[in-house]
Amino acid sequence: MNLRPYKKQLLFLLTFLLFLKVNIYSETITFSADRMSGTAGNSSSRTTLSGNAVVVTDSMEIKADTIELYGEDFRYITAFGSVVGINKESELDFTCGKMGYDRETKIATLENGVHLKDTKNEVTADAELIEYNQNTETAIMQISVTLKQKDNTCTAAYAIYRKTEQLLDMSGNPKVIQGSDTFRAQDITLNLETQEITLDGRVKGSITTTKKSNEGASGEKTDE
């Protein structure tokens, strides 16, 4: 069988599996892709994976159209195009257009249509930029922020989500909708566990109450 006409196609489908033991971080990196350029194993080199690129570290799994590894001992990981990730230690899933990850500081920067999901706490967040610090379990969210949890829908220009404490701090025209109730202020803090809300500065809100009915002297029900 003449494989020459299929040679180019086979090259595009070829997957490189490389295993790197990085002593400085005591971490193994596994990655694969349709194509690779660069020098693997050189601590100061830049390796580019393109086409169904996948990188797996001890705490992070990243899939994207293109992924680059660079810096000393491949400290930095950058992903572009249809990024899908799982932070295995923090139990967070995310999608975005671009991602940067520092394996030493364990800080991930997510950009362009970011969607973050904290399944354990039933929290989802959307923003244009999210910086997540894995060590402090804190997400700083900016631009068109929307966070949803139970009956809460929270919007703001800037927000900090403290995963461990289950606290959300918002500023930049923040608003919280809890069921049929709405709250606005300059700054809002919401305890996602207790549902307690703190409003500070130019407080506004609306609360919907339920009408009760009592039986009159004739036995007929009348609205209060």
N, C-alpha and C. Protein backbone atom coordinates (compact mmCIF):
# COMPACT_ATOMS: atom_id res chain seq x y z
N MET A 1 0.84 -1.19 0.00
CA MET A 1 0.00 0.00 0.00
C MET A 1 0.89 1.25 0.00
N ASN A 2 0.62 2.19 -0.89
CA ASN A 2 1.39 3.41 -1.00
C ASN A 2 0.87 4.43 0.00
N LEU A 3 1.69 4.72 1.02
CA LEU A 3 1.27 5.65 2.07
C LEU A 3 1.71 7.08 1.79
N ARG A 4 2.42 7.30 0.65
CA ARG A 4 2.94 8.63 0.37
C ARG A 4 1.86 9.70 0.32
N PRO A 5 0.68 9.47 -0.30
CA PRO A 5 -0.36 10.51 -0.33
C PRO A 5 -0.89 10.86 1.06
N TYR A 6 -0.72 9.92 2.00
CA TYR A 6 -1.25 10.14 3.35
C TYR A 6 -0.18 10.60 4.33
N LYS A 7 1.04 10.79 3.82
CA LYS A 7 2.15 11.11 4.71
C LYS A 7 1.91 12.38 5.50
N LYS A 8 1.45 13.43 4.82
CA LYS A 8 1.21 14.71 5.50
C LYS A 8 0.13 14.59 6.54
N GLN A 9 -0.94 13.85 6.18
CA GLN A 9 -2.05 13.67 7.11
C GLN A 9 -1.60 12.89 8.34
N LEU A 10 -0.76 11.88 8.12
CA LEU A 10 -0.28 11.09 9.25
C LEU A 10 0.60 11.91 10.17
N LEU A 11 1.39 12.82 9.57
CA LEU A 11 2.23 13.68 10.39
C LEU A 11 1.41 14.61 11.26
N PHE A 12 0.29 15.11 10.70
CA PHE A 12 -0.57 15.99 11.47
C PHE A 12 -1.24 15.26 12.63
N LEU A 13 -1.47 13.98 12.47
CA LEU A 13 -2.16 13.21 13.50
C LEU A 13 -1.20 12.60 14.52
N LEU A 14 0.10 12.74 14.23
CA LEU A 14 1.10 12.15 15.13
C LEU A 14 1.06 12.84 16.49
N THR A 15 1.07 12.07 17.53
CA THR A 15 1.04 12.61 18.90
C THR A 15 2.37 12.35 19.59
N PHE A 16 2.92 13.41 20.16
CA PHE A 16 4.17 13.29 20.89
C PHE A 16 3.87 13.15 22.38
N LEU A 17 4.39 12.12 22.97
CA LEU A 17 4.22 11.93 24.41
C LEU A 17 5.59 12.09 25.06
N LEU A 18 5.71 13.06 25.88
CA LEU A 18 7.00 13.32 26.54
C LEU A 18 6.80 13.37 28.04
N PHE A 19 7.72 12.80 28.74
CA PHE A 19 7.64 12.79 30.20
C PHE A 19 8.88 13.49 30.74
N LEU A 20 8.64 14.57 31.48
CA LEU A 20 9.75 15.36 32.00
C LEU A 20 9.71 15.35 33.52
N LYS A 21 10.76 14.98 34.13
CA LYS A 21 10.86 15.04 35.59
C LYS A 21 11.57 16.33 35.96
N VAL A 22 10.84 17.26 36.58
CA VAL A 22 11.39 18.55 36.91
C VAL A 22 11.75 18.55 38.40
N ASN A 23 13.02 18.44 38.70
CA ASN A 23 13.45 18.24 40.07
C ASN A 23 13.16 19.44 40.96
N ILE A 24 13.24 20.67 40.41
CA ILE A 24 13.09 21.84 41.25
C ILE A 24 11.69 21.92 41.86
N TYR A 25 10.68 21.40 41.14
CA TYR A 25 9.31 21.43 41.65
C TYR A 25 8.83 20.04 42.05
N SER A 26 9.69 19.02 41.93
CA SER A 26 9.30 17.64 42.21
C SER A 26 7.97 17.31 41.53
N GLU A 27 7.90 17.60 40.25
CA GLU A 27 6.66 17.44 39.53
C GLU A 27 6.92 16.82 38.17
N THR A 28 6.04 15.96 37.75
CA THR A 28 6.13 15.35 36.43
C THR A 28 5.14 16.03 35.50
N ILE A 29 5.62 16.43 34.32
CA ILE A 29 4.76 17.03 33.30
C ILE A 29 4.60 16.05 32.16
N THR A 30 3.35 15.80 31.80
CA THR A 30 3.06 14.96 30.65
C THR A 30 2.33 15.81 29.63
N PHE A 31 2.78 15.78 28.35
CA PHE A 31 2.04 16.54 27.36
C PHE A 31 2.02 15.86 26.02
N SER A 32 1.01 16.19 25.22
CA SER A 32 0.84 15.57 23.92
C SER A 32 0.22 16.59 22.96
N ALA A 33 0.36 16.35 21.66
CA ALA A 33 -0.20 17.24 20.65
C ALA A 33 -0.07 16.58 19.29
N ASP A 34 -0.66 17.20 18.27
CA ASP A 34 -0.48 16.74 16.89
C ASP A 34 0.89 17.14 16.37
N ARG A 35 1.39 18.32 16.81
CA ARG A 35 2.68 18.82 16.36
C ARG A 35 3.43 19.44 17.53
N MET A 36 4.76 19.41 17.44
CA MET A 36 5.59 20.00 18.47
C MET A 36 6.80 20.68 17.83
N SER A 37 7.18 21.83 18.36
CA SER A 37 8.42 22.49 17.95
C SER A 37 9.15 22.93 19.20
N GLY A 38 10.47 22.92 19.12
CA GLY A 38 11.27 23.26 20.29
C GLY A 38 12.06 22.07 20.75
N THR A 39 12.76 22.23 21.84
CA THR A 39 13.62 21.19 22.36
C THR A 39 13.13 20.75 23.73
N ALA A 40 12.68 19.52 23.83
CA ALA A 40 12.22 19.00 25.11
C ALA A 40 13.41 18.58 25.95
N GLY A 41 13.30 18.83 27.24
CA GLY A 41 14.35 18.41 28.15
C GLY A 41 15.39 19.47 28.44
N ASN A 42 15.41 20.53 27.62
CA ASN A 42 16.33 21.64 27.89
C ASN A 42 15.66 22.60 28.84
N SER A 43 16.24 22.83 30.01
CA SER A 43 15.56 23.60 31.05
C SER A 43 15.31 25.05 30.65
N SER A 44 16.03 25.58 29.67
CA SER A 44 15.85 26.97 29.28
C SER A 44 15.15 27.11 27.93
N SER A 45 14.63 26.04 27.39
CA SER A 45 14.05 26.07 26.05
C SER A 45 12.57 26.44 26.10
N ARG A 46 12.01 26.69 24.92
CA ARG A 46 10.58 26.95 24.76
C ARG A 46 10.03 25.85 23.85
N THR A 47 9.02 25.17 24.34
CA THR A 47 8.38 24.10 23.58
C THR A 47 6.96 24.51 23.24
N THR A 48 6.60 24.40 21.95
CA THR A 48 5.27 24.76 21.50
C THR A 48 4.53 23.53 21.01
N LEU A 49 3.35 23.28 21.57
CA LEU A 49 2.49 22.17 21.16
C LEU A 49 1.28 22.76 20.46
N SER A 50 0.92 22.21 19.32
CA SER A 50 -0.22 22.74 18.57
C SER A 50 -1.06 21.61 18.01
N GLY A 51 -2.37 21.85 17.98
CA GLY A 51 -3.30 20.83 17.50
C GLY A 51 -3.62 19.82 18.57
N ASN A 52 -4.80 19.94 19.20
CA ASN A 52 -5.21 19.01 20.27
C ASN A 52 -4.16 18.92 21.37
N ALA A 53 -3.63 20.07 21.76
CA ALA A 53 -2.56 20.10 22.76
C ALA A 53 -3.11 19.82 24.15
N VAL A 54 -2.38 19.01 24.89
CA VAL A 54 -2.76 18.65 26.26
C VAL A 54 -1.52 18.69 27.14
N VAL A 55 -1.64 19.33 28.30
CA VAL A 55 -0.56 19.34 29.30
C VAL A 55 -1.15 18.94 30.64
N VAL A 56 -0.51 18.01 31.30
CA VAL A 56 -0.97 17.54 32.61
C VAL A 56 0.18 17.66 33.61
N THR A 57 -0.07 18.38 34.71
CA THR A 57 0.87 18.45 35.82
C THR A 57 0.23 17.78 37.02
N ASP A 58 0.91 17.81 38.16
CA ASP A 58 0.36 17.17 39.35
C ASP A 58 -0.96 17.81 39.78
N SER A 59 -1.13 19.11 39.52
CA SER A 59 -2.33 19.80 40.00
C SER A 59 -3.23 20.33 38.89
N MET A 60 -2.74 20.36 37.64
CA MET A 60 -3.48 21.01 36.57
C MET A 60 -3.53 20.15 35.32
N GLU A 61 -4.70 20.17 34.67
CA GLU A 61 -4.84 19.54 33.34
C GLU A 61 -5.38 20.60 32.39
N ILE A 62 -4.66 20.81 31.26
CA ILE A 62 -5.01 21.88 30.33
C ILE A 62 -5.10 21.32 28.92
N LYS A 63 -6.18 21.70 28.22
CA LYS A 63 -6.35 21.35 26.81
C LYS A 63 -6.58 22.64 26.03
N ALA A 64 -5.98 22.76 24.85
CA ALA A 64 -6.14 23.97 24.06
C ALA A 64 -5.68 23.71 22.63
N ASP A 65 -5.92 24.71 21.77
CA ASP A 65 -5.43 24.60 20.39
C ASP A 65 -3.91 24.65 20.37
N THR A 66 -3.33 25.55 21.17
CA THR A 66 -1.88 25.70 21.23
C THR A 66 -1.46 25.91 22.68
N ILE A 67 -0.39 25.23 23.09
CA ILE A 67 0.15 25.39 24.44
C ILE A 67 1.66 25.56 24.34
N GLU A 68 2.18 26.55 25.07
CA GLU A 68 3.62 26.77 25.13
C GLU A 68 4.13 26.53 26.54
N LEU A 69 5.30 25.89 26.64
CA LEU A 69 5.98 25.70 27.92
C LEU A 69 7.35 26.37 27.81
N TYR A 70 7.70 27.21 28.79
CA TYR A 70 8.95 27.94 28.69
C TYR A 70 9.42 28.37 30.08
N GLY A 71 10.61 28.97 30.11
CA GLY A 71 11.20 29.38 31.37
C GLY A 71 12.05 28.27 31.95
N GLU A 72 12.72 28.59 33.04
CA GLU A 72 13.59 27.60 33.68
C GLU A 72 12.77 26.42 34.17
N ASP A 73 13.16 25.22 33.73
CA ASP A 73 12.45 23.99 34.08
C ASP A 73 10.96 24.07 33.72
N PHE A 74 10.68 24.78 32.60
CA PHE A 74 9.30 24.91 32.11
C PHE A 74 8.35 25.41 33.20
N ARG A 75 8.79 26.47 33.85
CA ARG A 75 7.99 27.05 34.93
C ARG A 75 6.65 27.59 34.43
N TYR A 76 6.64 28.16 33.23
CA TYR A 76 5.45 28.84 32.72
C TYR A 76 4.74 28.03 31.65
N ILE A 77 3.42 28.07 31.71
CA ILE A 77 2.58 27.42 30.70
C ILE A 77 1.59 28.45 30.17
N THR A 78 1.52 28.60 28.86
CA THR A 78 0.56 29.51 28.23
C THR A 78 -0.27 28.72 27.22
N ALA A 79 -1.57 28.90 27.27
CA ALA A 79 -2.48 28.18 26.37
C ALA A 79 -3.34 29.18 25.60
N PHE A 80 -3.59 28.88 24.32
CA PHE A 80 -4.37 29.76 23.46
C PHE A 80 -5.44 28.96 22.72
N GLY A 81 -6.64 29.53 22.60
CA GLY A 81 -7.67 28.96 21.75
C GLY A 81 -8.42 27.79 22.37
N SER A 82 -9.71 28.02 22.66
CA SER A 82 -10.59 26.96 23.19
C SER A 82 -9.96 26.24 24.38
N VAL A 83 -9.53 27.02 25.36
CA VAL A 83 -8.85 26.46 26.52
C VAL A 83 -9.86 25.80 27.46
N VAL A 84 -9.57 24.58 27.86
CA VAL A 84 -10.38 23.84 28.83
C VAL A 84 -9.43 23.33 29.90
N GLY A 85 -9.75 23.61 31.17
CA GLY A 85 -8.83 23.21 32.22
C GLY A 85 -9.52 22.66 33.44
N ILE A 86 -8.75 21.88 34.20
CA ILE A 86 -9.21 21.33 35.47
C ILE A 86 -8.10 21.52 36.48
N ASN A 87 -8.42 22.21 37.58
CA ASN A 87 -7.49 22.31 38.70
C ASN A 87 -7.85 21.19 39.66
N LYS A 88 -7.02 20.15 39.67
CA LYS A 88 -7.36 18.95 40.43
C LYS A 88 -7.28 19.17 41.94
N GLU A 89 -6.40 20.04 42.39
CA GLU A 89 -6.28 20.30 43.83
C GLU A 89 -7.43 21.15 44.34
N SER A 90 -7.80 22.18 43.58
CA SER A 90 -8.88 23.08 44.01
C SER A 90 -10.26 22.62 43.58
N GLU A 91 -10.30 21.58 42.74
CA GLU A 91 -11.56 21.04 42.22
C GLU A 91 -12.36 22.12 41.47
N LEU A 92 -11.67 22.81 40.56
CA LEU A 92 -12.29 23.84 39.74
C LEU A 92 -12.17 23.46 38.27
N ASP A 93 -13.22 23.71 37.49
CA ASP A 93 -13.19 23.56 36.04
C ASP A 93 -13.27 24.95 35.42
N PHE A 94 -12.66 25.13 34.25
CA PHE A 94 -12.74 26.44 33.61
C PHE A 94 -12.58 26.32 32.10
N THR A 95 -13.14 27.30 31.40
CA THR A 95 -12.94 27.47 29.97
C THR A 95 -12.63 28.93 29.71
N CYS A 96 -11.83 29.22 28.69
CA CYS A 96 -11.48 30.59 28.35
C CYS A 96 -10.79 30.62 27.00
N GLY A 97 -10.44 31.83 26.54
CA GLY A 97 -9.75 31.96 25.27
C GLY A 97 -8.24 31.92 25.40
N LYS A 98 -7.73 32.34 26.58
CA LYS A 98 -6.29 32.37 26.80
C LYS A 98 -6.00 32.13 28.27
N MET A 99 -4.89 31.44 28.53
CA MET A 99 -4.53 31.13 29.91
C MET A 99 -3.03 31.21 30.11
N GLY A 100 -2.62 31.72 31.26
CA GLY A 100 -1.22 31.67 31.67
C GLY A 100 -1.13 31.03 33.05
N TYR A 101 -0.13 30.17 33.27
CA TYR A 101 -0.02 29.48 34.55
C TYR A 101 1.44 29.44 34.98
N ASP A 102 1.69 29.86 36.22
CA ASP A 102 3.01 29.83 36.82
C ASP A 102 3.05 28.65 37.78
N ARG A 103 3.86 27.64 37.46
CA ARG A 103 3.87 26.43 38.27
C ARG A 103 4.52 26.64 39.64
N GLU A 104 5.35 27.69 39.77
CA GLU A 104 6.00 27.94 41.05
C GLU A 104 5.05 28.65 42.01
N THR A 105 4.41 29.72 41.57
CA THR A 105 3.48 30.47 42.43
C THR A 105 2.09 29.86 42.44
N LYS A 106 1.81 28.98 41.48
CA LYS A 106 0.51 28.35 41.30
C LYS A 106 -0.60 29.38 41.11
N ILE A 107 -0.28 30.40 40.32
CA ILE A 107 -1.27 31.42 39.95
C ILE A 107 -1.64 31.24 38.48
N ALA A 108 -2.93 31.13 38.22
CA ALA A 108 -3.44 30.99 36.86
C ALA A 108 -4.17 32.27 36.47
N THR A 109 -3.86 32.80 35.28
CA THR A 109 -4.52 33.98 34.76
C THR A 109 -5.35 33.57 33.55
N LEU A 110 -6.67 33.74 33.65
CA LEU A 110 -7.60 33.31 32.61
C LEU A 110 -8.19 34.55 31.95
N GLU A 111 -8.22 34.58 30.60
CA GLU A 111 -8.70 35.75 29.87
C GLU A 111 -9.66 35.36 28.76
N ASN A 112 -10.48 36.33 28.37
CA ASN A 112 -11.36 36.22 27.20
C ASN A 112 -12.48 35.19 27.40
N GLY A 113 -13.64 35.69 27.82
CA GLY A 113 -14.80 34.83 27.98
C GLY A 113 -14.60 33.70 28.97
N VAL A 114 -14.16 34.06 30.17
CA VAL A 114 -13.82 33.04 31.18
C VAL A 114 -15.09 32.51 31.85
N HIS A 115 -15.17 31.19 31.96
CA HIS A 115 -16.23 30.54 32.73
C HIS A 115 -15.58 29.62 33.75
N LEU A 116 -15.85 29.88 35.03
CA LEU A 116 -15.24 29.13 36.13
C LEU A 116 -16.32 28.41 36.90
N LYS A 117 -16.08 27.14 37.24
CA LYS A 117 -17.08 26.34 37.93
C LYS A 117 -16.49 25.67 39.16
N ASP A 118 -17.07 26.00 40.32
CA ASP A 118 -16.71 25.37 41.58
C ASP A 118 -17.83 24.39 41.92
N THR A 119 -17.70 23.18 41.46
CA THR A 119 -18.78 22.19 41.58
C THR A 119 -19.11 21.88 43.03
N LYS A 120 -18.10 21.76 43.86
CA LYS A 120 -18.30 21.39 45.27
C LYS A 120 -19.20 22.39 45.98
N ASN A 121 -19.03 23.68 45.69
CA ASN A 121 -19.80 24.73 46.36
C ASN A 121 -20.95 25.26 45.51
N GLU A 122 -21.20 24.63 44.36
CA GLU A 122 -22.30 25.01 43.47
C GLU A 122 -22.20 26.47 43.05
N VAL A 123 -20.99 26.90 42.70
CA VAL A 123 -20.73 28.27 42.29
C VAL A 123 -20.23 28.29 40.86
N THR A 124 -20.79 29.19 40.03
CA THR A 124 -20.27 29.42 38.69
C THR A 124 -19.98 30.91 38.54
N ALA A 125 -18.92 31.23 37.82
CA ALA A 125 -18.55 32.63 37.64
C ALA A 125 -18.14 32.86 36.19
N ASP A 126 -18.54 34.03 35.67
CA ASP A 126 -18.15 34.44 34.32
C ASP A 126 -17.53 35.83 34.39
N ALA A 127 -16.47 36.06 33.64
CA ALA A 127 -15.81 37.36 33.60
C ALA A 127 -14.88 37.38 32.39
N GLU A 128 -14.33 38.55 32.11
CA GLU A 128 -13.36 38.66 31.02
C GLU A 128 -11.95 38.37 31.50
N LEU A 129 -11.72 38.50 32.80
CA LEU A 129 -10.40 38.24 33.36
C LEU A 129 -10.55 37.69 34.77
N ILE A 130 -9.93 36.55 35.01
CA ILE A 130 -9.92 35.95 36.36
C ILE A 130 -8.50 35.51 36.68
N GLU A 131 -8.00 35.96 37.83
CA GLU A 131 -6.71 35.49 38.33
C GLU A 131 -6.96 34.62 39.54
N TYR A 132 -6.55 33.36 39.45
CA TYR A 132 -6.82 32.43 40.55
C TYR A 132 -5.51 32.00 41.20
N ASN A 133 -5.43 32.23 42.52
CA ASN A 133 -4.27 31.83 43.31
C ASN A 133 -4.61 30.52 44.01
N GLN A 134 -3.95 29.46 43.60
CA GLN A 134 -4.25 28.13 44.13
C GLN A 134 -3.84 28.00 45.59
N ASN A 135 -2.80 28.71 46.00
CA ASN A 135 -2.32 28.62 47.39
C ASN A 135 -3.30 29.26 48.37
N THR A 136 -3.88 30.40 47.98
CA THR A 136 -4.81 31.10 48.88
C THR A 136 -6.27 30.79 48.56
N GLU A 137 -6.52 30.02 47.49
CA GLU A 137 -7.88 29.68 47.06
C GLU A 137 -8.71 30.94 46.84
N THR A 138 -8.11 31.91 46.14
CA THR A 138 -8.77 33.19 45.91
C THR A 138 -8.82 33.50 44.42
N ALA A 139 -9.98 33.93 43.94
CA ALA A 139 -10.14 34.32 42.54
C ALA A 139 -10.48 35.80 42.47
N ILE A 140 -9.64 36.56 41.75
CA ILE A 140 -9.90 37.98 41.50
C ILE A 140 -10.52 38.10 40.11
N MET A 141 -11.74 38.62 40.04
CA MET A 141 -12.50 38.65 38.79
C MET A 141 -12.73 40.09 38.35
N GLN A 142 -12.54 40.36 37.06
CA GLN A 142 -12.69 41.72 36.55
C GLN A 142 -13.46 41.73 35.22
N ILE A 143 -14.22 42.80 35.03
CA ILE A 143 -14.93 43.12 33.79
C ILE A 143 -16.10 42.16 33.55
N SER A 144 -17.31 42.73 33.60
CA SER A 144 -18.55 41.97 33.32
C SER A 144 -18.64 40.70 34.16
N VAL A 145 -18.47 40.86 35.46
CA VAL A 145 -18.48 39.72 36.37
C VAL A 145 -19.91 39.29 36.67
N THR A 146 -20.17 38.00 36.55
CA THR A 146 -21.45 37.41 36.96
C THR A 146 -21.15 36.14 37.74
N LEU A 147 -21.65 36.07 38.97
CA LEU A 147 -21.47 34.88 39.79
C LEU A 147 -22.83 34.37 40.23
N LYS A 148 -23.03 33.06 40.09
CA LYS A 148 -24.31 32.46 40.46
C LYS A 148 -24.09 31.35 41.48
N GLN A 149 -24.99 31.32 42.46
CA GLN A 149 -24.93 30.29 43.50
C GLN A 149 -26.31 30.21 44.15
N LYS A 150 -26.90 29.03 44.13
CA LYS A 150 -28.24 28.81 44.67
C LYS A 150 -29.21 29.83 44.07
N ASP A 151 -29.88 30.64 44.92
CA ASP A 151 -30.82 31.65 44.41
C ASP A 151 -30.15 32.99 44.17
N ASN A 152 -28.82 33.06 44.28
CA ASN A 152 -28.11 34.32 44.13
C ASN A 152 -27.59 34.51 42.70
N THR A 153 -27.82 35.70 42.17
CA THR A 153 -27.18 36.13 40.93
C THR A 153 -26.49 37.45 41.22
N CYS A 154 -25.17 37.46 41.15
CA CYS A 154 -24.38 38.63 41.53
C CYS A 154 -23.65 39.18 40.31
N THR A 155 -23.71 40.50 40.12
CA THR A 155 -23.01 41.14 39.01
C THR A 155 -22.21 42.32 39.54
N ALA A 156 -21.07 42.58 38.90
CA ALA A 156 -20.20 43.68 39.30
C ALA A 156 -19.12 43.86 38.25
N ALA A 157 -18.37 44.95 38.37
CA ALA A 157 -17.21 45.17 37.51
C ALA A 157 -15.97 44.51 38.09
N TYR A 158 -15.98 44.32 39.43
CA TYR A 158 -14.82 43.75 40.11
C TYR A 158 -15.31 42.92 41.29
N ALA A 159 -14.72 41.75 41.47
CA ALA A 159 -15.13 40.89 42.58
C ALA A 159 -13.98 39.99 43.02
N ILE A 160 -14.00 39.64 44.30
CA ILE A 160 -13.03 38.69 44.85
C ILE A 160 -13.80 37.53 45.46
N TYR A 161 -13.52 36.34 44.96
CA TYR A 161 -14.18 35.14 45.48
C TYR A 161 -13.18 34.37 46.34
N ARG A 162 -13.49 34.27 47.64
CA ARG A 162 -12.64 33.54 48.58
C ARG A 162 -13.26 32.17 48.79
N LYS A 163 -12.71 31.19 48.11
CA LYS A 163 -13.32 29.87 48.04
C LYS A 163 -13.40 29.19 49.40
N THR A 164 -12.33 29.23 50.17
CA THR A 164 -12.32 28.53 51.46
C THR A 164 -13.32 29.13 52.43
N GLU A 165 -13.36 30.47 52.50
CA GLU A 165 -14.28 31.15 53.41
C GLU A 165 -15.68 31.27 52.84
N GLN A 166 -15.84 31.01 51.55
CA GLN A 166 -17.11 31.18 50.85
C GLN A 166 -17.63 32.61 51.00
N LEU A 167 -16.74 33.57 50.72
CA LEU A 167 -17.08 34.99 50.77
C LEU A 167 -16.90 35.61 49.39
N LEU A 168 -17.79 36.52 49.04
CA LEU A 168 -17.71 37.24 47.78
C LEU A 168 -17.75 38.73 48.06
N ASP A 169 -16.68 39.44 47.70
CA ASP A 169 -16.62 40.89 47.84
C ASP A 169 -16.76 41.52 46.45
N MET A 170 -17.67 42.49 46.31
CA MET A 170 -17.96 43.09 45.01
C MET A 170 -17.90 44.60 45.06
N SER A 171 -17.46 45.21 43.97
CA SER A 171 -17.47 46.66 43.82
C SER A 171 -17.62 46.97 42.33
N GLY A 172 -17.83 48.28 42.03
CA GLY A 172 -18.05 48.64 40.63
C GLY A 172 -19.47 48.36 40.22
N ASN A 173 -20.42 49.14 40.75
CA ASN A 173 -21.85 48.98 40.48
C ASN A 173 -22.33 47.55 40.75
N PRO A 174 -22.07 47.05 41.95
CA PRO A 174 -22.46 45.67 42.25
C PRO A 174 -23.96 45.54 42.50
N LYS A 175 -24.47 44.37 42.19
CA LYS A 175 -25.89 44.08 42.42
C LYS A 175 -26.03 42.61 42.77
N VAL A 176 -26.89 42.35 43.74
CA VAL A 176 -27.19 40.97 44.13
C VAL A 176 -28.69 40.76 44.03
N ILE A 177 -29.08 39.74 43.31
CA ILE A 177 -30.48 39.33 43.23
C ILE A 177 -30.62 38.01 43.97
N GLN A 178 -31.45 38.03 45.02
CA GLN A 178 -31.72 36.82 45.80
C GLN A 178 -33.20 36.48 45.62
N GLY A 179 -33.47 35.55 44.74
CA GLY A 179 -34.86 35.23 44.44
C GLY A 179 -35.54 36.44 43.81
N SER A 180 -36.54 37.01 44.49
CA SER A 180 -37.25 38.19 43.99
C SER A 180 -36.76 39.48 44.64
N ASP A 181 -35.72 39.39 45.48
CA ASP A 181 -35.18 40.56 46.17
C ASP A 181 -33.93 41.07 45.46
N THR A 182 -33.75 42.40 45.45
CA THR A 182 -32.61 43.02 44.77
C THR A 182 -31.90 43.98 45.72
N PHE A 183 -30.56 43.93 45.71
CA PHE A 183 -29.75 44.80 46.56
C PHE A 183 -28.66 45.46 45.73
N ARG A 184 -28.46 46.79 45.99
CA ARG A 184 -27.41 47.54 45.32
C ARG A 184 -26.67 48.38 46.36
N ALA A 185 -25.38 48.64 46.10
CA ALA A 185 -24.59 49.51 46.98
C ALA A 185 -23.26 49.78 46.29
N GLN A 186 -22.42 50.60 46.93
CA GLN A 186 -21.09 50.82 46.39
C GLN A 186 -20.21 49.58 46.56
N ASP A 187 -20.36 48.95 47.72
CA ASP A 187 -19.62 47.72 48.01
C ASP A 187 -20.57 46.71 48.63
N ILE A 188 -20.45 45.47 48.20
CA ILE A 188 -21.32 44.40 48.72
C ILE A 188 -20.46 43.20 49.08
N THR A 189 -20.72 42.64 50.26
CA THR A 189 -20.10 41.38 50.66
C THR A 189 -21.20 40.36 50.90
N LEU A 190 -21.05 39.21 50.30
CA LEU A 190 -22.04 38.14 50.43
C LEU A 190 -21.38 36.89 50.97
N ASN A 191 -21.92 36.37 52.08
CA ASN A 191 -21.48 35.08 52.61
C ASN A 191 -22.29 34.01 51.91
N LEU A 192 -21.64 33.26 51.04
CA LEU A 192 -22.34 32.29 50.21
C LEU A 192 -22.79 31.07 51.00
N GLU A 193 -22.25 30.89 52.20
CA GLU A 193 -22.65 29.76 53.04
C GLU A 193 -23.87 30.10 53.89
N THR A 194 -23.84 31.28 54.53
CA THR A 194 -24.95 31.67 55.40
C THR A 194 -25.99 32.52 54.68
N GLN A 195 -25.64 33.03 53.48
CA GLN A 195 -26.50 33.92 52.69
C GLN A 195 -26.62 35.30 53.32
N GLU A 196 -25.78 35.62 54.30
CA GLU A 196 -25.79 36.95 54.90
C GLU A 196 -25.16 37.96 53.96
N ILE A 197 -25.80 39.12 53.82
CA ILE A 197 -25.33 40.14 52.89
C ILE A 197 -25.03 41.43 53.64
N THR A 198 -23.91 42.08 53.28
CA THR A 198 -23.53 43.36 53.87
C THR A 198 -23.42 44.40 52.76
N LEU A 199 -24.14 45.52 52.92
CA LEU A 199 -24.15 46.59 51.94
C LEU A 199 -23.49 47.83 52.53
N ASP A 200 -22.69 48.52 51.72
CA ASP A 200 -21.99 49.70 52.22
C ASP A 200 -21.96 50.78 51.14
N GLY A 201 -22.53 51.97 51.46
CA GLY A 201 -22.47 53.10 50.55
C GLY A 201 -23.58 53.13 49.51
N ARG A 202 -24.43 54.17 49.57
CA ARG A 202 -25.51 54.36 48.60
C ARG A 202 -26.37 53.10 48.46
N VAL A 203 -26.83 52.62 49.57
CA VAL A 203 -27.57 51.36 49.61
C VAL A 203 -28.96 51.54 49.00
N LYS A 204 -29.32 50.62 48.14
CA LYS A 204 -30.67 50.58 47.56
C LYS A 204 -31.11 49.13 47.51
N GLY A 205 -32.42 48.92 47.56
CA GLY A 205 -32.91 47.55 47.46
C GLY A 205 -34.40 47.48 47.33
N SER A 206 -34.86 46.31 46.98
CA SER A 206 -36.30 46.07 46.93
C SER A 206 -36.55 44.65 47.40
N ILE A 207 -37.55 44.51 48.28
CA ILE A 207 -37.90 43.21 48.84
C ILE A 207 -39.37 42.93 48.57
N THR A 208 -39.65 41.79 48.05
CA THR A 208 -41.02 41.39 47.77
C THR A 208 -41.57 40.58 48.92
N THR A 209 -42.67 41.04 49.51
CA THR A 209 -43.29 40.32 50.61
C THR A 209 -44.50 39.57 50.11
N THR A 210 -44.89 38.55 50.86
CA THR A 210 -46.05 37.73 50.50
C THR A 210 -47.26 38.16 51.31
N LYS A 211 -48.37 38.44 50.64
CA LYS A 211 -49.59 38.82 51.34
C LYS A 211 -50.17 37.64 52.09
N LYS A 212 -50.67 37.91 53.30
CA LYS A 212 -51.31 36.86 54.09
C LYS A 212 -52.81 37.08 54.07
N SER A 213 -53.54 36.06 54.34
CA SER A 213 -55.00 36.18 54.39
C SER A 213 -55.52 35.62 55.70
N ASN A 214 -56.51 36.31 56.29
CA ASN A 214 -57.12 35.88 57.54
C ASN A 214 -58.61 35.64 57.33
N GLU A 215 -59.17 34.81 58.14
CA GLU A 215 -60.60 34.57 58.06
C GLU A 215 -61.35 35.63 58.83
N GLY A 216 -62.34 36.25 58.20
CA GLY A 216 -63.18 37.27 58.85
C GLY A 216 -64.20 36.63 59.77
N ALA A 217 -65.04 37.50 60.37
CA ALA A 217 -66.04 37.00 61.31
C ALA A 217 -67.04 36.08 60.64
N SER A 218 -67.26 36.28 59.34
CA SER A 218 -68.24 35.44 58.62
C SER A 218 -67.62 34.14 58.14
N GLY A 219 -66.31 33.98 58.40
CA GLY A 219 -65.65 32.77 57.93
C GLY A 219 -65.01 32.95 56.58
N GLU A 220 -65.25 34.12 55.90
CA GLU A 220 -64.66 34.37 54.60
C GLU A 220 -63.23 34.87 54.80
N LYS A 221 -62.34 34.52 53.87
CA LYS A 221 -60.96 34.94 53.94
C LYS A 221 -60.81 36.34 53.35
N THR A 222 -60.11 37.20 54.06
CA THR A 222 -59.87 38.56 53.57
C THR A 222 -58.38 38.83 53.57
N ASP A 223 -57.94 39.60 52.55
CA ASP A 223 -56.50 39.93 52.47
C ASP A 223 -56.19 41.05 53.45
N GLU A 224 -55.03 40.96 54.07
CA GLU A 224 -54.61 42.04 54.96
C GLU A 224 -54.15 43.23 54.15
